[in-house]
């Protein structure tokens, strides 16, 4: 089938769901994979949260914990991929939840997913700032950053978020080029970093990767409160992979900008998770093997990666180049996160789900991007970073909210399959559909539980508060006002508006 034929089929399917082709459909299969791969970014969470893994159950949190957490993530991605193949729209999870579970379920899914996406951008940009300060400014240029405080971080994050919004503003072509580059950069830097650390490691003791040591409390730099339970230590250490391998719904959020979306989106999502799990595992194992001492590394807490790099006898020029590559990859990770966030805002506003929806659903005729949604997403992400102890809470929060939003449509699909959901897309799990959905729900709940453990109990309270507030707003206001995605006769009524909207954008 030719590209034009694919585009015609994509547009026809979008029309059948009651939406106009307003965004520019320029992304191919690799680009759809790359945007999820960029937002997962093993050089982001795999580095900035590495201390949270190591300071839990030691080397076993890496050697055993990463595969366990990755398996959960892959199962969740499989269940989501099947639904994405059937309903390839921007703001994917919101539509899936609405179509499969009803407009109220979709409305709740949208808010949970949106908060998770905002926290992704916020946490990664705080991480970018920290890495730039500790790796580039301190180690490459030798500047004393001990006096850099809260306002330095605020100013730095403003610059990061503003430039990411500008790249998104000026069209999916620019964003795609950058995230495509990010895909190659992540592979390249991860491979070179892994080989270099292993080549200059003082020894290669593989037993480290399977040795359980409880580093909670003082022994782990107080990253985690002291616990006498090794099981608890191992579970909280899963936050490393839980935070790292998330955000892969970006492939679904850019469905309306992807050619042959029903096939390319599920494939891009799954490949992003699988390759991240594999390359990420090799990389974080190399971190453990290259340490002069696991105990000394665990004691560094969040500062373990800068300590590891400073301890390695690798050539200085190579170390500096790796630092630069890591910081750029993290910056592009947040860029991809903002792309995903803005598409969620645009899709939800298109159905009237947000305040000022008429503004937030508008698309720039010149750039074919949801410009107001991009900048509102940027402002909200910036606001989330203003909390003084931002990174740990944001990292745990984004993982919890995203995985909850992932399992919500999966749960709805499990109940709807064979009843109201009978037509699936090209990616079909067949007889394995329901078992995988059940496992995905269990896995998502486990990963969500991990993100709520002390010292991140604030995330638990925030989650409870969020659902209470959503319930109040839904039953008091939104239940009667919000109509949800178009259905039935409403879709037929919208066809004239769809044609007029597409003609207006094409004439610009």
Protein backbone atom coordinates (compact mmCIF):
# COMPACT_ATOMS: atom_id res chain seq x y z
CA UNK A 1 0.00 0.00 0.00
CA UNK A 2 1.40 3.44 -0.93
CA UNK A 3 1.92 6.29 1.52
CA UNK A 4 -1.04 8.17 0.04
CA UNK A 5 -3.24 5.11 0.41
CA UNK A 6 -2.19 4.79 4.06
CA UNK A 7 -2.91 8.49 4.63
CA UNK A 8 -6.35 8.15 3.03
CA UNK A 9 -7.12 5.15 5.23
CA UNK A 10 -5.89 6.99 8.33
CA UNK A 11 -8.00 10.05 7.57
CA UNK A 12 -11.05 7.92 6.78
CA UNK A 13 -10.72 6.12 10.11
CA UNK A 14 -10.32 9.44 11.94
CA UNK A 15 -13.44 10.79 10.21
CA UNK A 16 -15.35 7.67 11.24
CA UNK A 17 -14.60 8.58 14.86
CA UNK A 18 -15.94 12.12 14.37
CA UNK A 19 -12.70 14.09 14.08
CA UNK A 20 -11.05 16.22 11.41
CA UNK A 21 -7.46 15.70 10.25
CA UNK A 22 -6.19 18.95 11.74
CA UNK A 23 -2.69 17.89 12.79
CA UNK A 24 0.00 17.22 10.19
CA UNK A 25 0.39 13.48 9.50
CA UNK A 26 4.13 13.39 8.81
CA UNK A 27 5.47 10.74 11.17
CA UNK A 28 6.55 7.34 9.90
CA UNK A 29 6.91 4.14 11.90
CA UNK A 30 10.44 4.90 13.13
CA UNK A 31 9.46 8.39 14.25
CA UNK A 32 6.51 7.01 16.19
CA UNK A 33 8.86 4.53 17.89
CA UNK A 34 11.46 7.24 18.47
CA UNK A 35 9.12 9.60 20.32
CA UNK A 36 8.28 6.89 22.89
CA UNK A 37 11.89 5.73 23.01
CA UNK A 38 12.94 9.34 23.59
CA UNK A 39 10.46 9.90 26.39
CA UNK A 40 11.38 6.60 28.08
CA UNK A 41 15.06 7.53 27.64
CA UNK A 42 17.19 5.09 29.63
CA UNK A 43 19.75 7.90 29.92
CA UNK A 44 17.17 9.90 31.89
CA UNK A 45 15.46 7.72 34.49
CA UNK A 46 18.16 5.05 34.25
CA UNK A 47 20.68 7.61 35.50
CA UNK A 48 18.75 10.10 37.64
CA UNK A 49 16.83 7.35 39.50
CA UNK A 50 19.67 4.84 39.63
CA UNK A 51 20.40 5.79 43.25
CA UNK A 52 16.82 4.98 44.21
CA UNK A 53 17.31 1.45 42.91
CA UNK A 54 20.78 0.80 44.31
CA UNK A 55 19.98 2.32 47.72
CA UNK A 56 17.10 -0.10 48.20
CA UNK A 57 18.20 -3.75 47.92
CA UNK A 58 21.68 -3.16 46.50
CA UNK A 59 22.89 -4.90 43.37
CA UNK A 60 19.89 -7.26 43.31
CA UNK A 61 17.60 -4.25 42.81
CA UNK A 62 19.40 -3.84 39.49
CA UNK A 63 20.24 -7.38 38.39
CA UNK A 64 16.87 -8.86 39.39
CA UNK A 65 14.64 -5.82 39.92
CA UNK A 66 15.10 -4.34 36.44
CA UNK A 67 13.95 -7.51 34.58
CA UNK A 68 10.98 -7.91 36.94
CA UNK A 69 9.84 -4.32 36.48
CA UNK A 70 10.51 -4.49 32.73
CA UNK A 71 8.32 -7.57 32.41
CA UNK A 72 5.45 -5.70 34.07
CA UNK A 73 5.98 -2.76 31.68
CA UNK A 74 6.03 -5.01 28.59
CA UNK A 75 2.77 -6.70 29.60
CA UNK A 76 1.11 -3.31 30.14
CA UNK A 77 2.41 -2.12 26.75
CA UNK A 78 1.03 -5.24 25.05
CA UNK A 79 -2.45 -4.61 26.43
CA UNK A 80 -2.30 -0.92 25.48
CA UNK A 81 -0.97 -1.69 21.99
CA UNK A 82 -4.02 -3.78 21.12
CA UNK A 83 -6.37 -0.94 22.10
CA UNK A 84 -4.21 1.65 20.31
CA UNK A 85 -4.49 -0.39 17.13
CA UNK A 86 -8.28 -0.28 17.32
CA UNK A 87 -8.57 3.42 18.23
CA UNK A 88 -5.60 5.41 16.83
CA UNK A 89 -6.39 8.95 17.96
CA UNK A 90 -4.55 11.76 19.71
CA UNK A 91 -5.08 11.64 23.44
CA UNK A 92 -5.34 7.89 23.02
CA UNK A 93 -5.99 6.78 26.60
CA UNK A 94 -8.82 9.27 27.04
CA UNK A 95 -10.59 7.92 23.96
CA UNK A 96 -9.95 4.31 24.88
CA UNK A 97 -11.37 4.83 28.36
CA UNK A 98 -14.41 6.69 27.00
CA UNK A 99 -15.24 4.24 24.22
CA UNK A 100 -14.67 1.11 26.28
CA UNK A 101 -15.75 2.25 29.74
CA UNK A 102 -18.08 5.20 29.23
CA UNK A 103 -17.57 8.95 29.18
CA UNK A 104 -17.07 9.19 32.96
CA UNK A 105 -14.32 6.58 32.93
CA UNK A 106 -12.68 8.31 29.97
CA UNK A 107 -12.94 11.71 31.66
CA UNK A 108 -11.19 10.34 34.77
CA UNK A 109 -8.55 8.57 32.65
CA UNK A 110 -7.81 11.84 30.87
CA UNK A 111 -7.19 13.78 34.08
CA UNK A 112 -4.98 11.08 35.61
CA UNK A 113 -2.96 10.71 32.40
CA UNK A 114 -2.64 14.47 31.98
CA UNK A 115 -1.29 14.94 35.50
CA UNK A 116 1.17 12.10 34.92
CA UNK A 117 2.39 13.66 31.67
CA UNK A 118 2.86 17.06 33.31
CA UNK A 119 4.91 15.38 36.03
CA UNK A 120 7.00 13.62 33.36
CA UNK A 121 8.04 16.89 31.76
CA UNK A 122 8.58 18.53 35.15
CA UNK A 123 10.66 15.70 36.65
CA UNK A 124 12.83 15.22 33.57
CA UNK A 125 13.54 18.93 33.27
CA UNK A 126 14.55 19.07 36.94
CA UNK A 127 16.78 16.10 36.14
CA UNK A 128 18.22 17.89 33.09
CA UNK A 129 19.05 20.89 35.23
CA UNK A 130 20.67 18.71 37.91
CA UNK A 131 22.73 16.76 35.36
CA UNK A 132 23.82 19.94 33.60
CA UNK A 133 24.87 21.44 36.92
CA UNK A 134 26.63 18.36 38.32
CA UNK A 135 28.12 16.89 35.14
CA UNK A 136 28.72 19.74 32.71
CA UNK A 137 29.22 22.81 34.90
CA UNK A 138 30.92 21.09 37.83
CA UNK A 139 32.92 18.30 36.18
CA UNK A 140 33.54 19.54 32.63
CA UNK A 141 34.15 23.21 33.46
CA UNK A 142 35.26 22.75 37.06
CA UNK A 143 32.89 25.40 38.45
CA UNK A 144 31.94 25.29 42.13
CA UNK A 145 28.15 24.73 42.15
CA UNK A 146 27.82 24.29 45.91
CA UNK A 147 26.14 27.70 46.20
CA UNK A 148 23.60 27.04 43.45
CA UNK A 149 20.19 26.91 45.07
CA UNK A 150 16.45 26.94 44.47
CA UNK A 151 16.28 30.03 42.25
CA UNK A 152 19.08 28.79 40.04
CA UNK A 153 16.96 25.70 39.43
CA UNK A 154 13.83 27.74 38.72
CA UNK A 155 15.65 29.94 36.21
CA UNK A 156 17.28 26.94 34.55
CA UNK A 157 14.00 25.03 34.22
CA UNK A 158 12.29 28.11 32.72
CA UNK A 159 14.89 28.15 29.93
CA UNK A 160 14.53 24.42 29.33
CA UNK A 161 10.73 24.37 29.20
CA UNK A 162 10.47 27.51 27.09
CA UNK A 163 12.84 26.21 24.42
CA UNK A 164 11.08 22.83 24.34
CA UNK A 165 7.75 24.61 23.84
CA UNK A 166 9.23 26.64 20.99
CA UNK A 167 10.45 23.52 19.17
CA UNK A 168 6.99 21.99 19.55
CA UNK A 169 5.31 25.21 18.46
CA UNK A 170 7.00 25.31 15.07
CA UNK A 171 5.70 22.00 13.78
CA UNK A 172 5.87 18.24 14.19
CA UNK A 173 8.59 18.14 11.52
CA UNK A 174 11.10 19.83 13.85
CA UNK A 175 10.02 17.73 16.81
CA UNK A 176 10.25 14.55 14.74
CA UNK A 177 13.75 15.37 13.54
CA UNK A 178 14.87 15.96 17.13
CA UNK A 179 13.24 12.83 18.56
CA UNK A 180 14.53 10.72 15.65
CA UNK A 181 18.01 12.02 16.47
CA UNK A 182 17.36 11.29 20.12
CA UNK A 183 16.66 7.64 19.30
CA UNK A 184 20.08 7.23 17.69
CA UNK A 185 21.74 9.32 20.42
CA UNK A 186 20.30 7.17 23.23
CA UNK A 187 21.49 3.96 21.57
CA UNK A 188 24.93 5.42 20.84
CA UNK A 189 25.62 7.01 24.22
CA UNK A 190 24.26 4.02 26.16
CA UNK A 191 26.48 1.62 24.21
CA UNK A 192 29.62 3.75 24.55
CA UNK A 193 28.92 4.46 28.23
CA UNK A 194 28.41 0.76 28.97
CA UNK A 195 31.52 -0.41 27.12
CA UNK A 196 33.69 2.33 28.62
CA UNK A 197 32.63 1.70 32.21
CA UNK A 198 33.17 -2.04 31.84
CA UNK A 199 36.53 -1.57 30.10
CA UNK A 200 37.84 0.60 32.96
CA UNK A 201 36.12 -1.30 35.78
CA UNK A 202 38.47 -2.34 38.61
CA UNK A 203 36.99 -5.87 38.40
CA UNK A 204 33.89 -7.60 37.05
CA UNK A 205 32.14 -9.34 39.93
CA UNK A 206 28.81 -10.48 38.46
CA UNK A 207 27.65 -11.79 41.83
CA UNK A 208 27.02 -8.14 42.75
CA UNK A 209 23.98 -8.16 40.47
CA UNK A 210 22.27 -10.91 42.44
CA UNK A 211 23.32 -10.01 45.98
CA UNK A 212 20.56 -8.66 48.23
CA UNK A 213 21.78 -6.03 50.67
CA UNK A 214 19.43 -3.79 52.60
CA UNK A 215 20.71 -0.24 52.07
CA UNK A 216 17.59 1.55 53.30
CA UNK A 217 18.29 4.25 55.88
CA UNK A 218 21.76 5.67 56.51
CA UNK A 219 23.58 2.99 54.49
CA UNK A 220 21.81 4.18 51.33
CA UNK A 221 22.19 7.90 51.87
CA UNK A 222 18.69 8.03 53.38
CA UNK A 223 17.09 7.76 49.96
CA UNK A 224 14.62 5.35 51.61
CA UNK A 225 13.51 5.22 55.26
CA UNK A 226 15.16 2.38 57.17
CA UNK A 227 13.30 -0.92 56.86
CA UNK A 228 14.02 -4.35 58.28
CA UNK A 229 12.15 -6.06 55.44
CA UNK A 230 14.21 -7.14 52.44
CA UNK A 231 11.00 -7.67 50.47
CA UNK A 232 10.02 -4.06 51.11
CA UNK A 233 13.50 -2.88 50.13
CA UNK A 234 13.32 -4.83 46.87
CA UNK A 235 9.85 -3.51 46.06
CA UNK A 236 10.74 0.15 46.57
CA UNK A 237 13.83 -0.37 44.41
CA UNK A 238 11.50 -1.10 41.48
CA UNK A 239 10.89 2.66 41.26
CA UNK A 240 14.03 2.78 39.09
CA UNK A 241 12.51 0.78 36.25
CA UNK A 242 8.99 2.03 37.04
CA UNK A 243 10.05 5.65 36.48
CA UNK A 244 12.38 4.89 33.58
CA UNK A 245 10.10 2.73 31.42
CA UNK A 246 7.06 4.94 31.32
CA UNK A 247 5.70 7.60 28.97
CA UNK A 248 5.40 5.14 26.08
CA UNK A 249 1.83 6.35 25.55
CA UNK A 250 3.55 9.08 23.49
CA UNK A 251 3.20 6.78 20.48
CA UNK A 252 -0.57 6.74 21.00
CA UNK A 253 -0.83 10.48 21.62
CA UNK A 254 0.79 11.18 18.23
CA UNK A 255 -1.48 8.72 16.37
CA UNK A 256 -3.08 11.49 14.32
CA UNK A 257 0.36 12.57 13.14
CA UNK A 258 1.51 9.03 12.24
CA UNK A 259 1.02 7.31 8.88
CA UNK A 260 -0.57 3.85 8.97
CA UNK A 261 -1.28 4.54 12.63
CA UNK A 262 -3.28 1.38 13.37
CA UNK A 263 -0.15 -0.70 12.70
CA UNK A 264 2.69 1.75 13.36
CA UNK A 265 1.51 2.96 16.78
CA UNK A 266 1.29 -0.42 18.56
CA UNK A 267 4.56 -1.49 16.95
CA UNK A 268 6.30 1.75 17.97
CA UNK A 269 5.04 1.49 21.54
CA UNK A 270 6.13 -2.11 22.00
CA UNK A 271 9.52 -1.68 20.35
CA UNK A 272 10.25 1.36 22.51
CA UNK A 273 9.53 -0.59 25.69
CA UNK A 274 11.38 -3.75 24.66
CA UNK A 275 14.54 -2.02 23.41
CA UNK A 276 14.58 0.28 26.45
CA UNK A 277 14.25 -2.71 28.76
CA UNK A 278 17.10 -4.57 27.04
CA UNK A 279 19.60 -1.75 26.57
CA UNK A 280 18.68 -0.21 29.91
CA UNK A 281 19.34 -3.46 31.72
CA UNK A 282 22.80 -3.85 30.21
CA UNK A 283 23.61 -0.23 31.03
CA UNK A 284 22.50 -0.20 34.68
CA UNK A 285 24.22 -3.55 35.26
CA UNK A 286 27.42 -1.95 33.95
CA UNK A 287 26.99 0.81 36.54
CA UNK A 288 26.99 -1.76 39.35
CA UNK A 289 29.90 -3.76 37.92
CA UNK A 290 32.06 -0.65 37.38
CA UNK A 291 31.81 0.64 40.95
CA UNK A 292 34.87 0.51 43.18
CA UNK A 293 32.45 -0.52 45.96
CA UNK A 294 28.70 -1.14 45.91
CA UNK A 295 28.40 -0.07 49.56
CA UNK A 296 30.18 3.22 48.83
CA UNK A 297 27.97 3.77 45.78
CA UNK A 298 24.77 3.12 47.71
CA UNK A 299 25.86 5.58 50.39
CA UNK A 300 25.99 8.33 47.74
CA UNK A 301 22.21 8.11 47.23
CA UNK A 302 21.08 10.33 44.37
CA UNK A 303 24.69 11.38 43.76
CA UNK A 304 25.89 7.88 42.85
CA UNK A 305 26.20 8.41 39.08
CA UNK A 306 28.42 11.54 39.24
CA UNK A 307 30.52 9.70 41.86
CA UNK A 308 30.78 6.63 39.60
CA UNK A 309 31.90 8.69 36.60
CA UNK A 310 34.41 10.63 38.68
CA UNK A 311 35.78 7.35 40.07
CA UNK A 312 36.29 5.78 36.65
CA UNK A 313 39.81 6.11 35.15
CA UNK A 314 38.34 6.61 31.66
CA UNK A 315 39.94 9.39 29.54
CA UNK A 316 38.69 12.84 30.51
CA UNK A 317 37.70 13.84 26.98
CA UNK A 318 35.54 10.73 26.64
CA UNK A 319 33.92 11.37 30.01
CA UNK A 320 33.07 14.93 28.99
CA UNK A 321 31.59 13.83 25.66
CA UNK A 322 29.44 11.27 27.44
CA UNK A 323 28.23 13.93 29.87
CA UNK A 324 27.21 16.18 26.98
CA UNK A 325 25.39 13.33 25.23
CA UNK A 326 23.55 12.38 28.43
CA UNK A 327 22.35 15.94 29.05
CA UNK A 328 21.18 16.38 25.44
CA UNK A 329 19.30 13.05 25.56
CA UNK A 330 17.57 14.12 28.77
CA UNK A 331 16.61 17.46 27.24
CA UNK A 332 15.07 15.69 24.23
CA UNK A 333 13.27 13.31 26.59
CA UNK A 334 11.44 16.26 28.15
CA UNK A 335 10.82 17.69 24.67
CA UNK A 336 9.04 14.45 23.67
CA UNK A 337 7.15 14.54 26.96
CA UNK A 338 5.83 18.01 26.19
CA UNK A 339 4.74 16.82 22.72
CA UNK A 340 2.75 14.02 24.34
CA UNK A 341 1.28 16.34 26.98
CA UNK A 342 0.12 18.90 24.44
CA UNK A 343 -1.63 16.25 22.32
CA UNK A 344 -3.45 14.99 25.40
CA UNK A 345 -4.59 18.54 26.21
CA UNK A 346 -5.65 19.12 22.59
CA UNK A 347 -7.63 15.87 22.35
CA UNK A 348 -9.40 16.33 25.69
CA UNK A 349 -10.23 19.96 24.91
CA UNK A 350 -11.57 18.95 21.48
CA UNK A 351 -14.42 17.21 23.28
CA UNK A 352 -14.91 20.01 25.80
CA UNK A 353 -13.20 18.27 28.69
CA UNK A 354 -11.04 21.21 29.85
CA UNK A 355 -11.62 24.82 30.88
CA UNK A 356 -11.11 27.18 27.91
CA UNK A 357 -11.55 24.23 25.55
CA UNK A 358 -12.22 26.44 22.53
CA UNK A 359 -8.76 27.94 22.92
CA UNK A 360 -6.94 24.72 23.82
CA UNK A 361 -8.36 22.74 20.90
CA UNK A 362 -7.24 25.28 18.31
CA UNK A 363 -4.54 24.33 15.79
CA UNK A 364 -2.11 26.72 14.12
CA UNK A 365 -2.88 26.85 10.36
CA UNK A 366 0.77 27.68 9.66
CA UNK A 367 2.40 24.93 11.73
CA UNK A 368 -0.51 22.46 12.15
CA UNK A 369 0.32 22.11 15.83
CA UNK A 370 -1.92 22.72 18.89
CA UNK A 371 -0.04 25.87 19.92
CA UNK A 372 -2.17 26.93 22.95
CA UNK A 373 -2.07 23.37 24.29
CA UNK A 374 1.73 23.31 23.92
CA UNK A 375 2.26 26.49 25.91
CA UNK A 376 -0.30 25.65 28.60
CA UNK A 377 1.42 22.28 29.00
CA UNK A 378 4.75 24.06 29.38
CA UNK A 379 3.39 26.46 32.02
CA UNK A 380 1.82 23.61 34.02
CA UNK A 381 5.03 21.58 33.89
CA UNK A 382 7.02 24.60 35.09
CA UNK A 383 4.57 25.20 37.92
CA UNK A 384 5.00 21.59 39.07
CA UNK A 385 8.75 22.10 39.48
CA UNK A 386 8.31 24.99 41.92
CA UNK A 387 7.94 22.55 44.80
CA UNK A 388 11.27 22.68 46.62
CA UNK A 389 11.87 18.90 46.85
CA UNK A 390 10.72 18.45 43.28
CA UNK A 391 12.52 15.52 41.68
CA UNK A 392 11.75 12.58 43.97
CA UNK A 393 8.06 13.43 44.32
CA UNK A 394 7.63 14.27 40.62
CA UNK A 395 9.41 11.09 39.50
CA UNK A 396 7.29 8.87 41.73
CA UNK A 397 4.15 10.85 40.91
CA UNK A 398 4.54 10.60 37.16
CA UNK A 399 5.11 6.84 37.35
CA UNK A 400 2.07 6.32 39.59
CA UNK A 401 -0.32 8.51 37.61
CA UNK A 402 0.78 7.20 34.24
CA UNK A 403 0.50 3.54 35.22
CA UNK A 404 -2.92 4.14 36.78
CA UNK A 405 -4.02 5.84 33.57
CA UNK A 406 -2.60 2.91 31.57
CA UNK A 407 -4.55 0.25 33.42
CA UNK A 408 -7.84 2.19 33.44
CA UNK A 409 -8.63 1.68 29.71
CA UNK A 410 -7.13 -1.82 29.86
CA UNK A 411 -9.58 -2.69 32.66
CA UNK A 412 -12.43 -1.17 30.65
CA UNK A 413 -11.36 -3.18 27.60
CA UNK A 414 -11.25 -6.38 29.64
CA UNK A 415 -14.90 -5.88 30.63
CA UNK A 416 -16.01 -4.66 27.19
CA UNK A 417 -14.28 -7.31 25.07
CA UNK A 418 -16.78 -9.59 23.37
CA UNK A 419 -19.64 -7.30 24.42
CA UNK A 420 -19.40 -3.69 23.24
CA UNK A 421 -15.86 -4.12 21.87
CA UNK A 422 -15.80 -6.57 19.01
CA UNK A 423 -13.77 -4.84 16.29
CA UNK A 424 -10.02 -4.83 16.83
CA UNK A 425 -7.22 -3.37 14.77
CA UNK A 426 -4.34 -5.07 12.93
CA UNK A 427 -2.55 -5.73 16.23
CA UNK A 428 -4.68 -8.37 17.91
CA UNK A 429 -3.66 -10.51 20.88
CA UNK A 430 -6.37 -13.06 20.10
CA UNK A 431 -6.85 -15.69 22.81
CA UNK A 432 -4.15 -14.04 24.94
CA UNK A 433 -6.04 -10.73 25.10
CA UNK A 434 -7.87 -11.19 28.40
CA UNK A 435 -5.04 -13.00 30.28
CA UNK A 436 -2.62 -10.25 29.26
CA UNK A 437 -5.11 -7.58 30.32
CA UNK A 438 -5.40 -9.19 33.77
CA UNK A 439 -1.61 -9.40 34.12
CA UNK A 440 -1.27 -5.79 32.92
CA UNK A 441 -3.70 -4.60 35.59
CA UNK A 442 -1.81 -6.51 38.29
CA UNK A 443 1.55 -5.23 37.01
CA UNK A 444 0.32 -1.65 36.81
CA UNK A 445 -1.03 -1.80 40.35
CA UNK A 446 2.28 -3.20 41.65
CA UNK A 447 4.26 -0.43 39.98
CA UNK A 448 1.78 2.18 41.27
CA UNK A 449 2.14 0.76 44.80
CA UNK A 450 5.91 1.08 44.55
CA UNK A 451 5.67 4.77 43.67
CA UNK A 452 3.60 5.53 46.77
CA UNK A 453 6.00 4.11 49.36
CA UNK A 454 7.75 6.40 51.87
CA UNK A 455 9.33 8.85 51.46
CA UNK A 456 6.92 9.33 48.52
CA UNK A 457 3.78 8.89 50.62
CA UNK A 458 2.84 12.40 49.45
CA UNK A 459 2.03 10.77 46.12
CA UNK A 460 -0.44 8.46 47.88
CA UNK A 461 -2.18 11.40 49.54
CA UNK A 462 -2.16 13.33 46.26
CA UNK A 463 -3.69 10.35 44.44
CA UNK A 464 -6.49 9.98 47.00
CA UNK A 465 -7.14 13.73 46.95
CA UNK A 466 -7.19 13.76 43.16
CA UNK A 467 -9.80 11.01 42.93
CA UNK A 468 -11.95 12.65 45.62
CA UNK A 469 -11.86 16.02 43.82
CA UNK A 470 -12.56 14.34 40.46
CA UNK A 471 -15.56 12.50 41.92
CA UNK A 472 -16.97 15.73 43.34
CA UNK A 473 -16.53 17.62 40.07
CA UNK A 474 -17.88 14.76 37.98
CA UNK A 475 -21.11 14.27 39.91
CA UNK A 476 -21.64 17.97 40.66
CA UNK A 477 -20.82 19.47 37.26
CA UNK A 478 -19.34 17.33 34.52
CA UNK A 479 -21.71 14.35 34.40
CA UNK A 480 -24.41 16.39 32.66
CA UNK A 481 -22.19 18.91 30.86
CA UNK A 482 -19.48 16.68 29.37
CA UNK A 483 -20.60 14.69 26.34
CA UNK A 484 -17.38 12.75 25.68
CA UNK A 485 -16.13 11.64 22.26
CA UNK A 486 -18.64 11.71 19.38
CA UNK A 487 -20.75 8.58 19.02
CA UNK A 488 -23.54 7.30 16.79
CA UNK A 489 -25.61 9.95 15.01
CA UNK A 490 -23.39 12.70 16.39
CA UNK A 491 -20.50 11.46 14.21
CA UNK A 492 -22.65 11.75 11.07
CA UNK A 493 -23.71 15.26 12.08
CA UNK A 494 -20.07 16.32 12.42
CA UNK A 495 -19.03 15.34 8.89
CA UNK A 496 -19.84 18.78 7.45
CA UNK A 497 -17.91 20.53 10.22
CA UNK A 498 -15.00 18.15 9.62
CA UNK A 499 -14.88 19.01 5.92
CA UNK A 500 -15.07 22.74 6.64
CA UNK A 501 -12.33 22.53 9.28
CA UNK A 502 -9.95 20.62 6.99
CA UNK A 503 -10.66 22.98 4.09
CA UNK A 504 -9.96 26.01 6.26
CA UNK A 505 -6.60 24.64 7.41
CA UNK A 506 -5.66 23.57 3.86
CA UNK A 507 -6.31 27.05 2.50
CA UNK A 508 -3.82 28.71 4.85
